[in-house]
């Protein structure tokens, strides 16, 4: 599952809104039965939620983005063990 896009208005940042949105999104992904989540996002922000570079899970992104901004998080322990491949996003992201 892809977690994005997410943004908070500049005047509303640093109030916990973004963190609450990420936590809720991860909870919903887990409740829906997804075992892992990927994100293209800020290299310093998403690791606080447990995201790691997706390359550590042998995953690549269809988009040409720096490796440290394409991250993955296992919602189920070892869900990505032994898996590899390229993550493709819904066509809506290409519009």
PDB file of N, CA and C in Angstrom:
ATOM      1  N   UNK A   1       0.851  -1.164   0.000  1.00  0.00           N
ATOM      2  CA  UNK A   1       0.000   0.000   0.000  1.00  0.00           C
ATOM      3  C   UNK A   1       0.896   1.226   0.000  1.00  0.00           C
ATOM      4  N   UNK A   2       0.505   2.227  -0.741  1.00  0.00           N
ATOM      5  CA  UNK A   2       1.232   3.492  -0.765  1.00  0.00           C
ATOM      6  C   UNK A   2       0.577   4.493   0.170  1.00  0.00           C
ATOM      7  N   UNK A   3       1.369   5.131   0.980  1.00  0.00           N
ATOM      8  CA  UNK A   3       0.871   6.133   1.920  1.00  0.00           C
ATOM      9  C   UNK A   3       1.267   7.503   1.393  1.00  0.00           C
ATOM     10  N   UNK A   4       0.308   8.190   0.797  1.00  0.00           N
ATOM     11  CA  UNK A   4       0.597   9.519   0.259  1.00  0.00           C
ATOM     12  C   UNK A   4      -0.555   9.954  -0.627  1.00  0.00           C
ATOM     13  N   UNK A   5      -0.602  11.160  -1.059  1.00  0.00           N
ATOM     14  CA  UNK A   5       0.223  12.263  -0.573  1.00  0.00           C
ATOM     15  C   UNK A   5      -0.325  12.796   0.749  1.00  0.00           C
ATOM     16  N   UNK A   6       0.540  13.464   1.466  1.00  0.00           N
ATOM     17  CA  UNK A   6       0.155  14.038   2.755  1.00  0.00           C
ATOM     18  C   UNK A   6       0.813  15.397   2.871  1.00  0.00           C
ATOM     19  N   UNK A   7       0.022  16.374   3.283  1.00  0.00           N
ATOM     20  CA  UNK A   7       0.558  17.725   3.462  1.00  0.00           C
ATOM     21  C   UNK A   7      -0.249  18.442   4.537  1.00  0.00           C
ATOM     22  N   UNK A   8       0.422  19.351   5.211  1.00  0.00           N
ATOM     23  CA  UNK A   8      -0.208  20.182   6.223  1.00  0.00           C
ATOM     24  C   UNK A   8       0.132  21.633   5.882  1.00  0.00           C
ATOM     25  N   UNK A   9      -0.859  22.497   5.922  1.00  0.00           N
ATOM     26  CA  UNK A   9      -0.618  23.909   5.642  1.00  0.00           C
ATOM     27  C   UNK A   9       0.508  24.445   6.514  1.00  0.00           C
ATOM     28  N   UNK A  10       1.369  25.282   5.959  1.00  0.00           N
ATOM     29  CA  UNK A  10       2.504  25.798   6.736  1.00  0.00           C
ATOM     30  C   UNK A  10       2.104  26.406   8.086  1.00  0.00           C
ATOM     31  N   UNK A  11       1.019  27.143   8.132  1.00  0.00           N
ATOM     32  CA  UNK A  11       0.596  27.766   9.398  1.00  0.00           C
ATOM     33  C   UNK A  11       0.132  26.742  10.435  1.00  0.00           C
ATOM     34  N   UNK A  12      -0.141  25.521   9.993  1.00  0.00           N
ATOM     35  CA  UNK A  12      -0.640  24.479  10.898  1.00  0.00           C
ATOM     36  C   UNK A  12       0.427  23.440  11.241  1.00  0.00           C
ATOM     37  N   UNK A  13       1.623  23.580  10.674  1.00  0.00           N
ATOM     38  CA  UNK A  13       2.682  22.602  10.918  1.00  0.00           C
ATOM     39  C   UNK A  13       3.234  22.725  12.337  1.00  0.00           C
ATOM     40  N   UNK A  14       3.885  21.643  12.756  1.00  0.00           N
ATOM     41  CA  UNK A  14       4.506  21.538  14.091  1.00  0.00           C
ATOM     42  C   UNK A  14       3.467  21.533  15.213  1.00  0.00           C
ATOM     43  N   UNK A  15       2.286  21.011  14.876  1.00  0.00           N
ATOM     44  CA  UNK A  15       1.226  20.899  15.878  1.00  0.00           C
ATOM     45  C   UNK A  15       0.760  19.445  16.026  1.00  0.00           C
ATOM     46  N   UNK A  16       1.467  18.518  15.349  1.00  0.00           N
ATOM     47  CA  UNK A  16       1.130  17.103  15.467  1.00  0.00           C
ATOM     48  C   UNK A  16       0.112  16.604  14.466  1.00  0.00           C
ATOM     49  N   UNK A  17      -0.344  17.474  13.574  1.00  0.00           N
ATOM     50  CA  UNK A  17      -1.368  17.083  12.603  1.00  0.00           C
ATOM     51  C   UNK A  17      -0.821  16.046  11.629  1.00  0.00           C
ATOM     52  N   UNK A  18       0.363  16.310  11.074  1.00  0.00           N
ATOM     53  CA  UNK A  18       0.954  15.366  10.128  1.00  0.00           C
ATOM     54  C   UNK A  18       1.224  14.022  10.769  1.00  0.00           C
ATOM     55  N   UNK A  19       1.760  14.028  11.977  1.00  0.00           N
ATOM     56  CA  UNK A  19       2.021  12.765  12.685  1.00  0.00           C
ATOM     57  C   UNK A  19       0.740  11.997  12.924  1.00  0.00           C
ATOM     58  N   UNK A  20      -0.317  12.711  13.288  1.00  0.00           N
ATOM     59  CA  UNK A  20      -1.606  12.050  13.511  1.00  0.00           C
ATOM     60  C   UNK A  20      -2.132  11.451  12.213  1.00  0.00           C
ATOM     61  N   UNK A  21      -1.954  12.162  11.103  1.00  0.00           N
ATOM     62  CA  UNK A  21      -2.405  11.641   9.813  1.00  0.00           C
ATOM     63  C   UNK A  21      -1.630  10.383   9.428  1.00  0.00           C
ATOM     64  N   UNK A  22      -0.320  10.395   9.617  1.00  0.00           N
ATOM     65  CA  UNK A  22       0.489   9.224   9.286  1.00  0.00           C
ATOM     66  C   UNK A  22       0.102   8.046  10.173  1.00  0.00           C
ATOM     67  N   UNK A  23      -0.009   8.272  11.476  1.00  0.00           N
ATOM     68  CA  UNK A  23      -0.377   7.175  12.390  1.00  0.00           C
ATOM     69  C   UNK A  23      -1.750   6.597  12.025  1.00  0.00           C
ATOM     70  N   UNK A  24      -2.704   7.461  11.721  1.00  0.00           N
ATOM     71  CA  UNK A  24      -4.041   6.984  11.344  1.00  0.00           C
ATOM     72  C   UNK A  24      -3.989   6.210  10.028  1.00  0.00           C
ATOM     73  N   UNK A  25      -3.216   6.721   9.068  1.00  0.00           N
ATOM     74  CA  UNK A  25      -3.081   6.017   7.798  1.00  0.00           C
ATOM     75  C   UNK A  25      -2.471   4.635   7.973  1.00  0.00           C
ATOM     76  N   UNK A  26      -1.451   4.536   8.813  1.00  0.00           N
ATOM     77  CA  UNK A  26      -0.829   3.230   9.066  1.00  0.00           C
ATOM     78  C   UNK A  26      -1.790   2.285   9.782  1.00  0.00           C
ATOM     79  N   UNK A  27      -2.548   2.825  10.726  1.00  0.00           N
ATOM     80  CA  UNK A  27      -3.537   2.000  11.431  1.00  0.00           C
ATOM     81  C   UNK A  27      -4.576   1.467  10.461  1.00  0.00           C
ATOM     82  N   UNK A  28      -5.057   2.320   9.587  1.00  0.00           N
ATOM     83  CA  UNK A  28      -6.072   1.877   8.616  1.00  0.00           C
ATOM     84  C   UNK A  28      -5.512   0.853   7.644  1.00  0.00           C
ATOM     85  N   UNK A  29      -4.272   1.046   7.207  1.00  0.00           N
ATOM     86  CA  UNK A  29      -3.644   0.067   6.312  1.00  0.00           C
ATOM     87  C   UNK A  29      -3.555  -1.299   6.996  1.00  0.00           C
ATOM     88  N   UNK A  30      -3.140  -1.293   8.253  1.00  0.00           N
ATOM     89  CA  UNK A  30      -3.027  -2.552   8.992  1.00  0.00           C
ATOM     90  C   UNK A  30      -4.400  -3.179   9.191  1.00  0.00           C
ATOM     91  N   UNK A  31      -5.389  -2.364   9.548  1.00  0.00           N
ATOM     92  CA  UNK A  31      -6.754  -2.876   9.745  1.00  0.00           C
ATOM     93  C   UNK A  31      -7.335  -3.472   8.467  1.00  0.00           C
ATOM     94  N   UNK A  32      -6.916  -2.952   7.315  1.00  0.00           N
ATOM     95  CA  UNK A  32      -7.381  -3.473   6.029  1.00  0.00           C
ATOM     96  C   UNK A  32      -6.608  -4.720   5.594  1.00  0.00           C
ATOM     97  N   UNK A  33      -5.606  -5.097   6.374  1.00  0.00           N
ATOM     98  CA  UNK A  33      -4.885  -6.333   6.099  1.00  0.00           C
ATOM     99  C   UNK A  33      -3.627  -6.183   5.270  1.00  0.00           C
ATOM    100  N   UNK A  34      -3.175  -4.956   5.057  1.00  0.00           N
ATOM    101  CA  UNK A  34      -1.939  -4.769   4.304  1.00  0.00           C
ATOM    102  C   UNK A  34      -0.745  -5.096   5.195  1.00  0.00           C
ATOM    103  N   UNK A  35       0.230  -5.777   4.619  1.00  0.00           N
ATOM    104  CA  UNK A  35       1.396  -6.196   5.383  1.00  0.00           C
ATOM    105  C   UNK A  35       2.546  -5.220   5.356  1.00  0.00           C
ATOM    106  N   UNK A  36       2.517  -4.289   4.390  1.00  0.00           N
ATOM    107  CA  UNK A  36       3.604  -3.319   4.266  1.00  0.00           C
ATOM    108  C   UNK A  36       3.082  -2.058   3.592  1.00  0.00           C
ATOM    109  N   UNK A  37       3.807  -0.969   3.821  1.00  0.00           N
ATOM    110  CA  UNK A  37       3.449   0.330   3.260  1.00  0.00           C
ATOM    111  C   UNK A  37       4.712   0.961   2.690  1.00  0.00           C
ATOM    112  N   UNK A  38       4.573   1.632   1.542  1.00  0.00           N
ATOM    113  CA  UNK A  38       5.680   2.386   0.971  1.00  0.00           C
ATOM    114  C   UNK A  38       5.305   3.858   0.926  1.00  0.00           C
ATOM    115  N   UNK A  39       6.324   4.698   0.870  1.00  0.00           N
ATOM    116  CA  UNK A  39       6.105   6.141   0.788  1.00  0.00           C
ATOM    117  C   UNK A  39       7.272   6.783   0.057  1.00  0.00           C
ATOM    118  N   UNK A  40       6.962   7.788  -0.731  1.00  0.00           N
ATOM    119  CA  UNK A  40       7.983   8.678  -1.274  1.00  0.00           C
ATOM    120  C   UNK A  40       7.817   9.949  -0.453  1.00  0.00           C
ATOM    121  N   UNK A  41       8.782  10.204   0.410  1.00  0.00           N
ATOM    122  CA  UNK A  41       8.622  11.325   1.317  1.00  0.00           C
ATOM    123  C   UNK A  41       9.932  11.804   1.904  1.00  0.00           C
ATOM    124  N   UNK A  42       9.819  12.758   2.775  1.00  0.00           N
ATOM    125  CA  UNK A  42      10.996  13.411   3.349  1.00  0.00           C
ATOM    126  C   UNK A  42      11.847  12.424   4.136  1.00  0.00           C
ATOM    127  N   UNK A  43      13.131  12.389   3.801  1.00  0.00           N
ATOM    128  CA  UNK A  43      14.078  11.417   4.384  1.00  0.00           C
ATOM    129  C   UNK A  43      14.235  11.565   5.891  1.00  0.00           C
ATOM    130  N   UNK A  44      13.935  12.733   6.443  1.00  0.00           N
ATOM    131  CA  UNK A  44      14.080  12.939   7.882  1.00  0.00           C
ATOM    132  C   UNK A  44      12.765  12.788   8.641  1.00  0.00           C
ATOM    133  N   UNK A  45      11.651  12.741   7.929  1.00  0.00           N
ATOM    134  CA  UNK A  45      10.343  12.718   8.587  1.00  0.00           C
ATOM    135  C   UNK A  45       9.827  11.296   8.819  1.00  0.00           C
ATOM    136  N   UNK A  46       9.771  10.503   7.760  1.00  0.00           N
ATOM    137  CA  UNK A  46       9.122   9.195   7.853  1.00  0.00           C
ATOM    138  C   UNK A  46       9.857   8.150   8.688  1.00  0.00           C
ATOM    139  N   UNK A  47      11.169   8.210   8.824  1.00  0.00           N
ATOM    140  CA  UNK A  47      11.830   7.233   9.702  1.00  0.00           C
ATOM    141  C   UNK A  47      11.338   7.286  11.149  1.00  0.00           C
ATOM    142  N   UNK A  48      10.813   8.395  11.604  1.00  0.00           N
ATOM    143  CA  UNK A  48      10.305   8.453  12.987  1.00  0.00           C
ATOM    144  C   UNK A  48       9.111   7.521  13.208  1.00  0.00           C
ATOM    145  N   UNK A  49       8.494   7.076  12.099  1.00  0.00           N
ATOM    146  CA  UNK A  49       7.375   6.130  12.187  1.00  0.00           C
ATOM    147  C   UNK A  49       7.824   4.699  11.917  1.00  0.00           C
ATOM    148  N   UNK A  50       9.122   4.526  11.698  1.00  0.00           N
ATOM    149  CA  UNK A  50       9.662   3.194  11.461  1.00  0.00           C
ATOM    150  C   UNK A  50      10.004   2.889  10.014  1.00  0.00           C
ATOM    151  N   UNK A  51       9.779   3.838   9.124  1.00  0.00           N
ATOM    152  CA  UNK A  51      10.109   3.615   7.719  1.00  0.00           C
ATOM    153  C   UNK A  51      11.625   3.515   7.547  1.00  0.00           C
ATOM    154  N   UNK A  52      12.025   2.643   6.626  1.00  0.00           N
ATOM    155  CA  UNK A  52      13.430   2.445   6.275  1.00  0.00           C
ATOM    156  C   UNK A  52      13.550   2.565   4.762  1.00  0.00           C
ATOM    157  N   UNK A  53      14.745   2.845   4.258  1.00  0.00           N
ATOM    158  CA  UNK A  53      14.900   2.863   2.800  1.00  0.00           C
ATOM    159  C   UNK A  53      14.377   1.559   2.195  1.00  0.00           C
ATOM    160  N   UNK A  54      13.549   1.693   1.174  1.00  0.00           N
ATOM    161  CA  UNK A  54      12.933   0.510   0.558  1.00  0.00           C
ATOM    162  C   UNK A  54      13.970  -0.425  -0.042  1.00  0.00           C
ATOM    163  N   UNK A  55      15.137   0.104  -0.383  1.00  0.00           N
ATOM    164  CA  UNK A  55      16.201  -0.747  -0.924  1.00  0.00           C
ATOM    165  C   UNK A  55      16.606  -1.831   0.072  1.00  0.00           C
ATOM    166  N   UNK A  56      16.426  -1.568   1.360  1.00  0.00           N
ATOM    167  CA  UNK A  56      16.738  -2.576   2.381  1.00  0.00           C
ATOM    168  C   UNK A  56      15.820  -3.791   2.256  1.00  0.00           C
ATOM    169  N   UNK A  57      14.681  -3.604   1.583  1.00  0.00           N
ATOM    170  CA  UNK A  57      13.729  -4.692   1.364  1.00  0.00           C
ATOM    171  C   UNK A  57      13.762  -5.159  -0.095  1.00  0.00           C
ATOM    172  N   UNK A  58      14.798  -4.721  -0.838  1.00  0.00           N
ATOM    173  CA  UNK A  58      14.928  -5.067  -2.262  1.00  0.00           C
ATOM    174  C   UNK A  58      13.778  -4.541  -3.107  1.00  0.00           C
ATOM    175  N   UNK A  59      13.273  -3.366  -2.735  1.00  0.00           N
ATOM    176  CA  UNK A  59      12.197  -2.728  -3.484  1.00  0.00           C
ATOM    177  C   UNK A  59      12.732  -1.484  -4.182  1.00  0.00           C
ATOM    178  N   UNK A  60      12.250  -1.261  -5.397  1.00  0.00           N
ATOM    179  CA  UNK A  60      12.566  -0.046  -6.130  1.00  0.00           C
ATOM    180  C   UNK A  60      11.258   0.645  -6.496  1.00  0.00           C
ATOM    181  N   UNK A  61      11.376   1.907  -6.864  1.00  0.00           N
ATOM    182  CA  UNK A  61      10.212   2.720  -7.208  1.00  0.00           C
ATOM    183  C   UNK A  61      10.176   2.945  -8.713  1.00  0.00           C
ATOM    184  N   UNK A  62       8.993   2.958  -9.269  1.00  0.00           N
ATOM    185  CA  UNK A  62       8.867   3.218 -10.700  1.00  0.00           C
ATOM    186  C   UNK A  62       9.298   4.641 -11.065  1.00  0.00           C
ATOM    187  N   UNK A  63       9.276   5.543 -10.101  1.00  0.00           N
ATOM    188  CA  UNK A  63       9.672   6.923 -10.336  1.00  0.00           C
ATOM    189  C   UNK A  63      11.165   7.096 -10.064  1.00  0.00           C
ATOM    190  N   UNK A  64      11.758   8.017 -10.759  1.00  0.00           N
ATOM    191  CA  UNK A  64      13.180   8.301 -10.578  1.00  0.00           C
ATOM    192  C   UNK A  64      13.323   9.241  -9.383  1.00  0.00           C
ATOM    193  N   UNK A  65      13.399   8.658  -8.199  1.00  0.00           N
ATOM    194  CA  UNK A  65      13.540   9.432  -6.965  1.00  0.00           C
ATOM    195  C   UNK A  65      14.792   8.954  -6.230  1.00  0.00           C
ATOM    196  N   UNK A  66      15.394   9.827  -5.425  1.00  0.00           N
ATOM    197  CA  UNK A  66      16.558   9.383  -4.653  1.00  0.00           C
ATOM    198  C   UNK A  66      16.198   8.205  -3.748  1.00  0.00           C
ATOM    199  N   UNK A  67      17.127   7.309  -3.589  1.00  0.00           N
ATOM    200  CA  UNK A  67      16.873   6.087  -2.810  1.00  0.00           C
ATOM    201  C   UNK A  67      16.454   6.382  -1.378  1.00  0.00           C
ATOM    202  N   UNK A  68      16.949   7.473  -0.802  1.00  0.00           N
ATOM    203  CA  UNK A  68      16.640   7.737   0.605  1.00  0.00           C
ATOM    204  C   UNK A  68      15.268   8.372   0.830  1.00  0.00           C
ATOM    205  N   UNK A  69      14.538   8.697  -0.229  1.00  0.00           N
ATOM    206  CA  UNK A  69      13.180   9.220  -0.045  1.00  0.00           C
ATOM    207  C   UNK A  69      12.114   8.180  -0.391  1.00  0.00           C
ATOM    208  N   UNK A  70      12.533   7.044  -0.921  1.00  0.00           N
ATOM    209  CA  UNK A  70      11.599   5.931  -1.169  1.00  0.00           C
ATOM    210  C   UNK A  70      11.782   4.934  -0.041  1.00  0.00           C
ATOM    211  N   UNK A  71      10.769   4.848   0.811  1.00  0.00           N
ATOM    212  CA  UNK A  71      10.877   4.065   2.036  1.00  0.00           C
ATOM    213  C   UNK A  71       9.743   3.054   2.166  1.00  0.00           C
ATOM    214  N   UNK A  72       9.974   2.079   3.014  1.00  0.00           N
ATOM    215  CA  UNK A  72       8.973   1.047   3.270  1.00  0.00           C
ATOM    216  C   UNK A  72       8.919   0.758   4.768  1.00  0.00           C
ATOM    217  N   UNK A  73       7.763   0.268   5.171  1.00  0.00           N
ATOM    218  CA  UNK A  73       7.525  -0.123   6.562  1.00  0.00           C
ATOM    219  C   UNK A  73       6.735  -1.422   6.558  1.00  0.00           C
ATOM    220  N   UNK A  74       7.230  -2.412   7.262  1.00  0.00           N
ATOM    221  CA  UNK A  74       6.481  -3.665   7.415  1.00  0.00           C
ATOM    222  C   UNK A  74       5.472  -3.497   8.541  1.00  0.00           C
ATOM    223  N   UNK A  75       4.213  -3.681   8.228  1.00  0.00           N
ATOM    224  CA  UNK A  75       3.169  -3.656   9.250  1.00  0.00           C
ATOM    225  C   UNK A  75       3.049  -5.017   9.914  1.00  0.00           C
ATOM    226  N   UNK A  76       3.394  -6.039   9.170  1.00  0.00           N
ATOM    227  CA  UNK A  76       3.459  -7.415   9.665  1.00  0.00           C
ATOM    228  C   UNK A  76       4.933  -7.805   9.656  1.00  0.00           C
ATOM    229  N   UNK A  77       5.477  -8.217  10.787  1.00  0.00           N
ATOM    230  CA  UNK A  77       6.904  -8.561  10.830  1.00  0.00           C
ATOM    231  C   UNK A  77       7.298  -9.560   9.743  1.00  0.00           C
ATOM    232  N   UNK A  78       8.404  -9.256   9.077  1.00  0.00           N
ATOM    233  CA  UNK A  78       8.983 -10.116   8.035  1.00  0.00           C
ATOM    234  C   UNK A  78       8.100 -10.270   6.791  1.00  0.00           C
ATOM    235  N   UNK A  79       7.123  -9.411   6.634  1.00  0.00           N
ATOM    236  CA  UNK A  79       6.216  -9.499   5.488  1.00  0.00           C
ATOM    237  C   UNK A  79       6.962  -9.404   4.157  1.00  0.00           C
ATOM    238  N   UNK A  80       7.995  -8.602   4.112  1.00  0.00           N
ATOM    239  CA  UNK A  80       8.733  -8.403   2.859  1.00  0.00           C
ATOM    240  C   UNK A  80       9.932  -9.322   2.703  1.00  0.00           C
ATOM    241  N   UNK A  81      10.192 -10.161   3.676  1.00  0.00           N
ATOM    242  CA  UNK A  81      11.329 -11.082   3.598  1.00  0.00           C
ATOM    243  C   UNK A  81      11.179 -11.983   2.367  1.00  0.00           C
ATOM    244  N   UNK A  82      12.226 -12.016   1.572  1.00  0.00           N
ATOM    245  CA  UNK A  82      12.227 -12.869   0.386  1.00  0.00           C
ATOM    246  C   UNK A  82      11.493 -12.275  -0.807  1.00  0.00           C
ATOM    247  N   UNK A  83      10.949 -11.076  -0.657  1.00  0.00           N
ATOM    248  CA  UNK A  83      10.245 -10.429  -1.768  1.00  0.00           C
ATOM    249  C   UNK A  83      11.146  -9.361  -2.352  1.00  0.00           C
ATOM    250  N   UNK A  84      10.906  -9.008  -3.602  1.00  0.00           N
ATOM    251  CA  UNK A  84      11.648  -7.942  -4.262  1.00  0.00           C
ATOM    252  C   UNK A  84      10.830  -7.478  -5.456  1.00  0.00           C
ATOM    253  N   UNK A  85      11.195  -6.322  -5.987  1.00  0.00           N
ATOM    254  CA  UNK A  85      10.505  -5.848  -7.179  1.00  0.00           C
ATOM    255  C   UNK A  85      10.383  -4.346  -7.220  1.00  0.00           C
ATOM    256  N   UNK A  86       9.678  -3.897  -8.246  1.00  0.00           N
ATOM    257  CA  UNK A  86       9.438  -2.479  -8.454  1.00  0.00           C
ATOM    258  C   UNK A  86       8.012  -2.147  -8.057  1.00  0.00           C
ATOM    259  N   UNK A  87       7.874  -1.105  -7.253  1.00  0.00           N
ATOM    260  CA  UNK A  87       6.554  -0.654  -6.828  1.00  0.00           C
ATOM    261  C   UNK A  87       5.992   0.279  -7.890  1.00  0.00           C
ATOM    262  N   UNK A  88       4.771  -0.013  -8.334  1.00  0.00           N
ATOM    263  CA  UNK A  88       4.069   0.805  -9.319  1.00  0.00           C
ATOM    264  C   UNK A  88       2.870   1.453  -8.640  1.00  0.00           C
ATOM    265  N   UNK A  89       2.726   2.743  -8.859  1.00  0.00           N
ATOM    266  CA  UNK A  89       1.628   3.502  -8.260  1.00  0.00           C
ATOM    267  C   UNK A  89       0.431   3.526  -9.198  1.00  0.00           C
ATOM    268  N   UNK A  90      -0.721   3.790  -8.650  1.00  0.00           N
ATOM    269  CA  UNK A  90      -1.952   3.925  -9.414  1.00  0.00           C
ATOM    270  C   UNK A  90      -1.768   4.999 -10.481  1.00  0.00           C
ATOM    271  N   UNK A  91      -2.462   4.838 -11.593  1.00  0.00           N
ATOM    272  CA  UNK A  91      -2.337   5.798 -12.701  1.00  0.00           C
ATOM    273  C   UNK A  91      -2.719   7.220 -12.296  1.00  0.00           C
ATOM    274  N   UNK A  92      -3.499   7.398 -11.248  1.00  0.00           N
ATOM    275  CA  UNK A  92      -3.886   8.734 -10.799  1.00  0.00           C
ATOM    276  C   UNK A  92      -2.667   9.563 -10.426  1.00  0.00           C
ATOM    277  N   UNK A  93      -1.592   8.928 -10.001  1.00  0.00           N
ATOM    278  CA  UNK A  93      -0.387   9.644  -9.625  1.00  0.00           C
ATOM    279  C   UNK A  93       0.413  10.118 -10.844  1.00  0.00           C
ATOM    280  N   UNK A  94       0.093   9.593 -12.014  1.00  0.00           N
ATOM    281  CA  UNK A  94       0.793  10.000 -13.224  1.00  0.00           C
ATOM    282  C   UNK A  94       0.083  11.157 -13.931  1.00  0.00           C
ATOM    283  N   UNK A  95      -1.112  11.477 -13.504  1.00  0.00           N
ATOM    284  CA  UNK A  95      -1.905  12.544 -14.167  1.00  0.00           C
ATOM    285  C   UNK A  95      -1.399  13.923 -13.812  1.00  0.00           C
TER     286      UNK A  95
END
